[in-house]
Amino acid sequence: MANIKSAEKRIQINERNRLRNKSYKSAVKTLIKKCLAQISKYEKNRSPEVRQEVSESISAAYSKIDKAVKTGVIHRNNGARKKSQLARALKKVETLAAA
C-alpha cells in the first residue's frame, strides 16, 4: 500500500479508469457480436424489417466505438478497424443479395 497521499490518489484514479475502460470495452464487444448476429440473420432473411434492425444495431455500435475512442479507451485506428469490420460484413451480405 502506498504511503504518500498522491500515490494513494493515483491508485484510486487508476482503479476508477480501469473499471470505466473495462465497461466500454465490454460494451463494444457485445454490440459488435450483436451486429454480426443481426447481419447473419439478414443474410438468411432479406426483409426490410431485418435490414432496419441491422441498421439500428450498426448505428449503436458505431456510436459506442466513437465514444470509446473519444475517451481514450481504445486507439482511433482500433476503432476505425472495428467499424470497418462491421461495414465490410454488411457489404458482403448486400453484394451477395444483388448477385
C-alpha atoms as a PDB file:
ATOM      1  CA  MET A   1       0.000   0.000   0.000  1.00  0.00           C
ATOM      2  CA  ALA A   2       1.189   3.492  -0.809  1.00  0.00           C
ATOM      3  CA  ASN A   3       2.416   5.755   1.995  1.00  0.00           C
ATOM      4  CA  ILE A   4       2.272   9.032   0.081  1.00  0.00           C
ATOM      5  CA  LYS A   5      -1.069  10.787  -0.324  1.00  0.00           C
ATOM      6  CA  SER A   6      -0.591  11.487  -4.046  1.00  0.00           C
ATOM      7  CA  ALA A   7       0.261   7.823  -4.644  1.00  0.00           C
ATOM      8  CA  GLU A   8      -2.914   6.762  -2.824  1.00  0.00           C
ATOM      9  CA  LYS A   9      -4.910   9.103  -5.024  1.00  0.00           C
ATOM     10  CA  ARG A  10      -3.262   7.727  -8.170  1.00  0.00           C
ATOM     11  CA  ILE A  11      -4.240   4.213  -7.090  1.00  0.00           C
ATOM     12  CA  GLN A  12      -7.864   5.324  -6.715  1.00  0.00           C
ATOM     13  CA  ILE A  13      -7.857   7.106 -10.068  1.00  0.00           C
ATOM     14  CA  ASN A  14      -6.260   4.129 -11.835  1.00  0.00           C
ATOM     15  CA  GLU A  15      -8.915   1.799 -10.414  1.00  0.00           C
ATOM     16  CA  ARG A  16     -11.716   4.145 -11.483  1.00  0.00           C
ATOM     17  CA  ASN A  17     -10.272   4.393 -15.002  1.00  0.00           C
ATOM     18  CA  ARG A  18      -9.736   0.627 -15.184  1.00  0.00           C
ATOM     19  CA  LEU A  19     -13.410  -0.015 -14.419  1.00  0.00           C
ATOM     20  CA  ARG A  20     -14.546   2.603 -16.941  1.00  0.00           C
ATOM     21  CA  ASN A  21     -12.273   1.152 -19.647  1.00  0.00           C
ATOM     22  CA  LYS A  22     -13.487  -2.373 -18.878  1.00  0.00           C
ATOM     23  CA  SER A  23     -17.097  -1.218 -19.196  1.00  0.00           C
ATOM     24  CA  TYR A  24     -16.509   0.442 -22.576  1.00  0.00           C
ATOM     25  CA  LYS A  25     -14.525  -2.488 -23.982  1.00  0.00           C
ATOM     26  CA  SER A  26     -17.151  -4.974 -22.876  1.00  0.00           C
ATOM     27  CA  ALA A  27     -19.982  -2.900 -24.352  1.00  0.00           C
ATOM     28  CA  VAL A  28     -18.152  -2.522 -27.671  1.00  0.00           C
ATOM     29  CA  LYS A  29     -17.518  -6.278 -27.909  1.00  0.00           C
ATOM     30  CA  THR A  30     -21.155  -7.048 -27.064  1.00  0.00           C
ATOM     31  CA  LEU A  31     -22.525  -4.607 -29.633  1.00  0.00           C
ATOM     32  CA  ILE A  32     -20.199  -5.941 -32.335  1.00  0.00           C
ATOM     33  CA  LYS A  33     -21.353  -9.502 -31.636  1.00  0.00           C
ATOM     34  CA  LYS A  34     -24.990  -8.384 -31.789  1.00  0.00           C
ATOM     35  CA  CYS A  35     -24.361  -6.605 -35.100  1.00  0.00           C
ATOM     36  CA  LEU A  36     -22.702  -9.636 -36.639  1.00  0.00           C
ATOM     37  CA  ALA A  37     -25.595 -11.813 -35.427  1.00  0.00           C
ATOM     38  CA  GLN A  38     -28.098  -9.381 -36.990  1.00  0.00           C
ATOM     39  CA  ILE A  39     -26.136  -9.384 -40.251  1.00  0.00           C
ATOM     40  CA  SER A  40     -26.167 -13.186 -40.420  1.00  0.00           C
ATOM     41  CA  LYS A  41     -29.907 -13.087 -39.686  1.00  0.00           C
ATOM     42  CA  TYR A  42     -30.297 -10.597 -42.543  1.00  0.00           C
ATOM     43  CA  GLU A  43     -28.315 -12.918 -44.812  1.00  0.00           C
ATOM     44  CA  LYS A  44     -30.900 -15.653 -44.228  1.00  0.00           C
ATOM     45  CA  ASN A  45     -33.974 -13.400 -44.344  1.00  0.00           C
ATOM     46  CA  ARG A  46     -33.620 -10.326 -46.539  1.00  0.00           C
ATOM     47  CA  SER A  47     -36.694  -8.414 -45.403  1.00  0.00           C
ATOM     48  CA  PRO A  48     -36.821  -4.630 -44.928  1.00  0.00           C
ATOM     49  CA  GLU A  49     -37.633  -5.097 -41.223  1.00  0.00           C
ATOM     50  CA  VAL A  50     -34.474  -7.124 -40.618  1.00  0.00           C
ATOM     51  CA  ARG A  51     -32.465  -4.601 -42.656  1.00  0.00           C
ATOM     52  CA  GLN A  52     -33.782  -1.849 -40.383  1.00  0.00           C
ATOM     53  CA  GLU A  53     -32.698  -3.834 -37.296  1.00  0.00           C
ATOM     54  CA  VAL A  54     -29.224  -4.266 -38.800  1.00  0.00           C
ATOM     55  CA  SER A  55     -29.025  -0.550 -39.493  1.00  0.00           C
ATOM     56  CA  GLU A  56     -30.019   0.316 -35.919  1.00  0.00           C
ATOM     57  CA  SER A  57     -27.551  -2.135 -34.364  1.00  0.00           C
ATOM     58  CA  ILE A  58     -24.692  -0.865 -36.535  1.00  0.00           C
ATOM     59  CA  SER A  59     -25.564   2.696 -35.600  1.00  0.00           C
ATOM     60  CA  ALA A  60     -25.472   1.820 -31.882  1.00  0.00           C
ATOM     61  CA  ALA A  61     -22.149   0.021 -32.291  1.00  0.00           C
ATOM     62  CA  TYR A  62     -20.611   2.929 -34.232  1.00  0.00           C
ATOM     63  CA  SER A  63     -21.755   5.329 -31.531  1.00  0.00           C
ATOM     64  CA  LYS A  64     -20.249   3.270 -28.702  1.00  0.00           C
ATOM     65  CA  ILE A  65     -16.990   2.750 -30.627  1.00  0.00           C
ATOM     66  CA  ASP A  66     -16.721   6.503 -31.257  1.00  0.00           C
ATOM     67  CA  LYS A  67     -17.304   7.241 -27.568  1.00  0.00           C
ATOM     68  CA  ALA A  68     -14.650   4.704 -26.568  1.00  0.00           C
ATOM     69  CA  VAL A  69     -12.176   6.342 -28.943  1.00  0.00           C
ATOM     70  CA  LYS A  70     -13.076   9.810 -27.700  1.00  0.00           C
ATOM     71  CA  THR A  71     -12.469   8.877 -24.060  1.00  0.00           C
ATOM     72  CA  GLY A  72      -9.192   7.166 -24.927  1.00  0.00           C
ATOM     73  CA  VAL A  73     -10.290   3.643 -24.050  1.00  0.00           C
ATOM     74  CA  ILE A  74      -9.288   2.328 -27.463  1.00  0.00           C
ATOM     75  CA  HIS A  75      -6.949   3.791 -30.085  1.00  0.00           C
ATOM     76  CA  ARG A  76      -8.578   5.568 -33.010  1.00  0.00           C
ATOM     77  CA  ASN A  77      -7.106   3.096 -35.515  1.00  0.00           C
ATOM     78  CA  ASN A  78      -8.548   0.236 -33.481  1.00  0.00           C
ATOM     79  CA  GLY A  79     -11.942   1.961 -33.515  1.00  0.00           C
ATOM     80  CA  ALA A  80     -11.723   2.535 -37.261  1.00  0.00           C
ATOM     81  CA  ARG A  81     -10.826  -1.126 -37.770  1.00  0.00           C
ATOM     82  CA  LYS A  82     -13.825  -2.288 -35.733  1.00  0.00           C
ATOM     83  CA  LYS A  83     -16.199  -0.030 -37.677  1.00  0.00           C
ATOM     84  CA  SER A  84     -14.682  -1.195 -40.953  1.00  0.00           C
ATOM     85  CA  GLN A  85     -15.181  -4.823 -39.944  1.00  0.00           C
ATOM     86  CA  LEU A  86     -18.924  -4.217 -39.468  1.00  0.00           C
ATOM     87  CA  ALA A  87     -19.288  -2.270 -42.709  1.00  0.00           C
ATOM     88  CA  ARG A  88     -17.377  -4.937 -44.625  1.00  0.00           C
ATOM     89  CA  ALA A  89     -19.591  -7.721 -43.234  1.00  0.00           C
ATOM     90  CA  LEU A  90     -22.764  -5.868 -44.205  1.00  0.00           C
ATOM     91  CA  LYS A  91     -21.462  -5.009 -47.662  1.00  0.00           C
ATOM     92  CA  LYS A  92     -20.530  -8.650 -48.258  1.00  0.00           C
ATOM     93  CA  VAL A  93     -24.095  -9.749 -47.492  1.00  0.00           C
ATOM     94  CA  GLU A  94     -25.635  -6.989 -49.618  1.00  0.00           C
ATOM     95  CA  THR A  95     -23.440  -7.736 -52.635  1.00  0.00           C
ATOM     96  CA  LEU A  96     -24.374 -11.408 -52.418  1.00  0.00           C
ATOM     97  CA  ALA A  97     -28.025 -10.364 -52.458  1.00  0.00           C
ATOM     98  CA  ALA A  98     -27.512  -8.255 -55.578  1.00  0.00           C
ATOM     99  CA  ALA A  99     -25.698 -11.042 -57.420  1.00  0.00           C
END
